[in-house]
Amino acid sequence: MKKIMLVCNAGMSTGMLAKKIQEASNGTMEVSAYGEAEYMDHTDGVDMILVGPQIRHLLPNIKASVSCPVQSIAPQHYGIMNGKAVYEEIVKTLKG
């Protein structure tokens, strides 16, 4: 099972998106959401980190602090909480 982490300002809106991504994965991913202040305490074993559009300016700092792929969540998927589209992006990245 792949372990995916979403990071945003406080982790609330991404919490809803995390649930939708996990549902779209049919049990192949464990998806959690954390605020930018706490995510570093939870990076062990994470396969990929997705960053909310509102804090994408932190991408370089986050990439420098972890060894897994880090990407920004597409604003158009984030805005409508499209868990399936984000799930498909994750699969594409992890296969590549």
N, C-alpha and C. Protein backbone atom coordinates (compact mmCIF):
# COMPACT_ATOMS: atom_id res chain seq x y z
N MET A 1 0.84 -1.19 0.00
CA MET A 1 0.00 0.00 0.00
C MET A 1 0.88 1.24 0.00
N LYS A 2 0.58 2.16 -0.92
CA LYS A 2 1.33 3.41 -1.01
C LYS A 2 0.85 4.37 0.06
N LYS A 3 1.81 5.11 0.62
CA LYS A 3 1.49 6.08 1.66
C LYS A 3 1.67 7.48 1.08
N ILE A 4 0.56 8.23 1.01
CA ILE A 4 0.55 9.55 0.40
C ILE A 4 0.21 10.59 1.46
N MET A 5 0.93 11.72 1.43
CA MET A 5 0.67 12.79 2.37
C MET A 5 0.29 14.06 1.63
N LEU A 6 -0.77 14.72 2.11
CA LEU A 6 -1.16 16.03 1.60
C LEU A 6 -0.77 17.07 2.63
N VAL A 7 -0.22 18.18 2.17
CA VAL A 7 0.18 19.25 3.08
C VAL A 7 -0.50 20.54 2.64
N CYS A 8 -1.12 21.25 3.60
CA CYS A 8 -1.70 22.56 3.29
C CYS A 8 -1.53 23.45 4.51
N ASN A 9 -2.21 24.59 4.51
CA ASN A 9 -2.07 25.53 5.62
C ASN A 9 -2.35 24.86 6.96
N ALA A 10 -3.55 24.31 7.12
CA ALA A 10 -3.92 23.72 8.39
C ALA A 10 -4.32 22.26 8.30
N GLY A 11 -4.47 21.74 7.08
CA GLY A 11 -4.82 20.33 6.92
C GLY A 11 -6.31 20.03 6.88
N MET A 12 -7.15 21.07 6.92
CA MET A 12 -8.58 20.80 6.97
C MET A 12 -9.20 20.50 5.60
N SER A 13 -9.06 21.43 4.66
CA SER A 13 -9.65 21.18 3.34
C SER A 13 -8.97 19.98 2.68
N THR A 14 -7.67 19.83 2.89
CA THR A 14 -6.99 18.67 2.30
C THR A 14 -7.43 17.38 2.98
N GLY A 15 -7.94 17.46 4.19
CA GLY A 15 -8.45 16.27 4.86
C GLY A 15 -9.61 15.66 4.08
N MET A 16 -10.48 16.53 3.56
CA MET A 16 -11.60 16.05 2.73
C MET A 16 -11.07 15.44 1.43
N LEU A 17 -10.11 16.12 0.82
CA LEU A 17 -9.55 15.63 -0.44
C LEU A 17 -8.81 14.30 -0.20
N ALA A 18 -8.11 14.19 0.91
CA ALA A 18 -7.39 12.95 1.23
C ALA A 18 -8.35 11.77 1.27
N LYS A 19 -9.51 11.98 1.87
CA LYS A 19 -10.51 10.93 1.97
C LYS A 19 -10.99 10.50 0.57
N LYS A 20 -11.21 11.50 -0.30
CA LYS A 20 -11.68 11.21 -1.66
C LYS A 20 -10.61 10.48 -2.49
N ILE A 21 -9.35 10.86 -2.30
CA ILE A 21 -8.26 10.18 -3.02
C ILE A 21 -8.18 8.73 -2.55
N GLN A 22 -8.25 8.53 -1.24
CA GLN A 22 -8.19 7.18 -0.69
C GLN A 22 -9.33 6.32 -1.22
N GLU A 23 -10.54 6.89 -1.31
CA GLU A 23 -11.68 6.15 -1.87
C GLU A 23 -11.42 5.80 -3.33
N ALA A 24 -10.88 6.76 -4.09
CA ALA A 24 -10.61 6.53 -5.52
C ALA A 24 -9.56 5.45 -5.73
N SER A 25 -8.68 5.25 -4.72
CA SER A 25 -7.60 4.27 -4.85
C SER A 25 -8.06 2.84 -4.59
N ASN A 26 -9.30 2.66 -4.17
CA ASN A 26 -9.83 1.32 -3.85
C ASN A 26 -8.92 0.56 -2.90
N GLY A 27 -8.45 1.23 -1.88
CA GLY A 27 -7.65 0.57 -0.85
C GLY A 27 -6.19 0.37 -1.18
N THR A 28 -5.69 0.96 -2.27
CA THR A 28 -4.28 0.78 -2.62
C THR A 28 -3.40 1.88 -2.03
N MET A 29 -4.05 2.92 -1.48
CA MET A 29 -3.29 4.03 -0.89
C MET A 29 -3.84 4.40 0.48
N GLU A 30 -2.91 4.78 1.34
CA GLU A 30 -3.27 5.36 2.63
C GLU A 30 -2.94 6.84 2.51
N VAL A 31 -3.95 7.69 2.57
CA VAL A 31 -3.77 9.12 2.33
C VAL A 31 -4.07 9.91 3.59
N SER A 32 -3.11 10.74 4.02
CA SER A 32 -3.31 11.56 5.21
C SER A 32 -3.04 13.01 4.87
N ALA A 33 -3.56 13.91 5.70
CA ALA A 33 -3.38 15.35 5.47
C ALA A 33 -2.86 16.01 6.74
N TYR A 34 -1.90 16.90 6.55
CA TYR A 34 -1.31 17.63 7.68
C TYR A 34 -1.12 19.08 7.31
N GLY A 35 -1.06 19.92 8.33
CA GLY A 35 -0.74 21.32 8.13
C GLY A 35 0.75 21.48 7.92
N GLU A 36 1.15 22.63 7.36
CA GLU A 36 2.57 22.86 7.08
C GLU A 36 3.42 22.86 8.34
N ALA A 37 2.83 23.16 9.48
CA ALA A 37 3.60 23.23 10.73
C ALA A 37 3.93 21.86 11.29
N GLU A 38 3.19 20.82 10.89
CA GLU A 38 3.35 19.51 11.53
C GLU A 38 3.77 18.38 10.60
N TYR A 39 3.75 18.59 9.28
CA TYR A 39 3.95 17.47 8.36
C TYR A 39 5.29 16.76 8.56
N MET A 40 6.34 17.50 8.94
CA MET A 40 7.67 16.89 9.09
C MET A 40 7.70 15.79 10.16
N ASP A 41 6.76 15.81 11.08
CA ASP A 41 6.70 14.78 12.13
C ASP A 41 6.11 13.47 11.60
N HIS A 42 5.64 13.46 10.35
CA HIS A 42 4.90 12.31 9.82
C HIS A 42 5.44 11.80 8.49
N THR A 43 6.67 12.12 8.13
CA THR A 43 7.17 11.77 6.79
C THR A 43 7.75 10.36 6.68
N ASP A 44 7.92 9.64 7.78
CA ASP A 44 8.48 8.29 7.71
C ASP A 44 7.63 7.37 6.84
N GLY A 45 8.26 6.76 5.85
CA GLY A 45 7.57 5.79 5.01
C GLY A 45 6.64 6.37 3.97
N VAL A 46 6.62 7.68 3.82
CA VAL A 46 5.73 8.32 2.85
C VAL A 46 6.31 8.13 1.44
N ASP A 47 5.45 7.72 0.50
CA ASP A 47 5.88 7.49 -0.89
C ASP A 47 5.81 8.76 -1.74
N MET A 48 4.93 9.69 -1.35
CA MET A 48 4.78 10.92 -2.11
C MET A 48 4.10 11.98 -1.25
N ILE A 49 4.49 13.25 -1.47
CA ILE A 49 3.86 14.37 -0.77
C ILE A 49 3.22 15.29 -1.81
N LEU A 50 1.96 15.64 -1.58
CA LEU A 50 1.25 16.58 -2.43
C LEU A 50 0.99 17.85 -1.63
N VAL A 51 1.26 18.99 -2.24
CA VAL A 51 1.17 20.28 -1.56
C VAL A 51 -0.05 21.05 -2.09
N GLY A 52 -0.85 21.58 -1.18
CA GLY A 52 -2.01 22.37 -1.57
C GLY A 52 -1.61 23.61 -2.35
N PRO A 53 -2.44 24.02 -3.31
CA PRO A 53 -2.10 25.17 -4.16
C PRO A 53 -1.81 26.45 -3.37
N GLN A 54 -2.46 26.61 -2.22
CA GLN A 54 -2.28 27.84 -1.46
C GLN A 54 -0.89 27.95 -0.81
N ILE A 55 -0.16 26.85 -0.72
CA ILE A 55 1.20 26.92 -0.14
C ILE A 55 2.25 26.37 -1.10
N ARG A 56 1.97 26.38 -2.40
CA ARG A 56 2.92 25.81 -3.35
C ARG A 56 4.25 26.56 -3.36
N HIS A 57 4.27 27.78 -2.81
CA HIS A 57 5.55 28.50 -2.69
C HIS A 57 6.52 27.77 -1.76
N LEU A 58 6.03 26.83 -0.97
CA LEU A 58 6.88 26.05 -0.06
C LEU A 58 7.47 24.81 -0.72
N LEU A 59 7.10 24.52 -1.97
CA LEU A 59 7.59 23.32 -2.67
C LEU A 59 9.10 23.13 -2.57
N PRO A 60 9.92 24.15 -2.88
CA PRO A 60 11.38 23.94 -2.81
C PRO A 60 11.86 23.52 -1.41
N ASN A 61 11.28 24.13 -0.37
CA ASN A 61 11.68 23.79 1.01
C ASN A 61 11.28 22.35 1.35
N ILE A 62 10.07 21.97 0.94
CA ILE A 62 9.58 20.62 1.24
C ILE A 62 10.41 19.59 0.48
N LYS A 63 10.67 19.86 -0.83
CA LYS A 63 11.50 18.94 -1.62
C LYS A 63 12.87 18.75 -1.00
N ALA A 64 13.44 19.81 -0.46
CA ALA A 64 14.78 19.74 0.13
C ALA A 64 14.81 18.95 1.43
N SER A 65 13.64 18.80 2.07
CA SER A 65 13.62 18.15 3.38
C SER A 65 13.20 16.69 3.35
N VAL A 66 12.81 16.17 2.17
CA VAL A 66 12.37 14.77 2.08
C VAL A 66 13.01 14.09 0.87
N SER A 67 12.93 12.76 0.83
CA SER A 67 13.55 12.02 -0.27
C SER A 67 12.52 11.42 -1.24
N CYS A 68 11.24 11.69 -1.03
CA CYS A 68 10.20 11.17 -1.92
C CYS A 68 9.75 12.26 -2.90
N PRO A 69 9.00 11.90 -3.96
CA PRO A 69 8.50 12.91 -4.88
C PRO A 69 7.56 13.90 -4.17
N VAL A 70 7.67 15.17 -4.56
CA VAL A 70 6.82 16.23 -4.01
C VAL A 70 6.22 16.99 -5.19
N GLN A 71 4.89 17.16 -5.19
CA GLN A 71 4.21 17.89 -6.27
C GLN A 71 3.14 18.79 -5.69
N SER A 72 2.78 19.79 -6.47
CA SER A 72 1.66 20.66 -6.11
C SER A 72 0.37 20.02 -6.64
N ILE A 73 -0.70 20.15 -5.89
CA ILE A 73 -2.00 19.66 -6.35
C ILE A 73 -2.55 20.68 -7.35
N ALA A 74 -3.01 20.22 -8.50
CA ALA A 74 -3.56 21.11 -9.51
C ALA A 74 -4.74 21.89 -8.92
N PRO A 75 -4.71 23.22 -9.02
CA PRO A 75 -5.80 24.03 -8.43
C PRO A 75 -7.19 23.64 -8.93
N GLN A 76 -7.29 23.24 -10.21
CA GLN A 76 -8.61 22.88 -10.73
C GLN A 76 -9.14 21.60 -10.08
N HIS A 77 -8.26 20.68 -9.69
CA HIS A 77 -8.70 19.45 -9.00
C HIS A 77 -8.97 19.75 -7.53
N TYR A 78 -8.12 20.58 -6.96
CA TYR A 78 -8.26 20.93 -5.54
C TYR A 78 -9.57 21.68 -5.30
N GLY A 79 -9.86 22.64 -6.17
CA GLY A 79 -11.03 23.49 -6.00
C GLY A 79 -12.34 22.73 -5.96
N ILE A 80 -12.45 21.67 -6.76
CA ILE A 80 -13.69 20.89 -6.78
C ILE A 80 -13.53 19.56 -6.04
N MET A 81 -12.43 19.42 -5.30
CA MET A 81 -12.17 18.21 -4.51
C MET A 81 -12.27 16.95 -5.37
N ASN A 82 -11.59 16.96 -6.53
CA ASN A 82 -11.63 15.84 -7.46
C ASN A 82 -10.58 14.79 -7.06
N GLY A 83 -10.95 13.92 -6.13
CA GLY A 83 -10.03 12.91 -5.63
C GLY A 83 -9.58 11.93 -6.70
N LYS A 84 -10.47 11.60 -7.64
CA LYS A 84 -10.12 10.65 -8.69
C LYS A 84 -9.01 11.22 -9.59
N ALA A 85 -9.12 12.49 -9.97
CA ALA A 85 -8.10 13.10 -10.83
C ALA A 85 -6.75 13.19 -10.11
N VAL A 86 -6.78 13.54 -8.83
CA VAL A 86 -5.53 13.62 -8.07
C VAL A 86 -4.93 12.22 -7.92
N TYR A 87 -5.78 11.23 -7.67
CA TYR A 87 -5.32 9.83 -7.59
C TYR A 87 -4.61 9.42 -8.88
N GLU A 88 -5.21 9.77 -10.03
CA GLU A 88 -4.59 9.40 -11.32
C GLU A 88 -3.24 10.09 -11.51
N GLU A 89 -3.11 11.32 -11.03
CA GLU A 89 -1.81 12.03 -11.09
C GLU A 89 -0.77 11.32 -10.23
N ILE A 90 -1.18 10.87 -9.05
CA ILE A 90 -0.27 10.16 -8.15
C ILE A 90 0.24 8.90 -8.83
N VAL A 91 -0.69 8.12 -9.40
CA VAL A 91 -0.32 6.86 -10.07
C VAL A 91 0.68 7.13 -11.18
N LYS A 92 0.41 8.16 -11.99
CA LYS A 92 1.29 8.52 -13.11
C LYS A 92 2.70 8.85 -12.60
N THR A 93 2.77 9.64 -11.55
CA THR A 93 4.07 10.06 -11.00
C THR A 93 4.84 8.87 -10.42
N LEU A 94 4.16 8.04 -9.65
CA LEU A 94 4.85 6.93 -8.99
C LEU A 94 5.27 5.83 -9.98
N LYS A 95 4.56 5.70 -11.09
CA LYS A 95 4.96 4.73 -12.11
C LYS A 95 6.16 5.22 -12.90
N GLY A 96 6.20 6.55 -13.14
CA GLY A 96 7.27 7.15 -13.93
C GLY A 96 8.58 7.09 -13.23
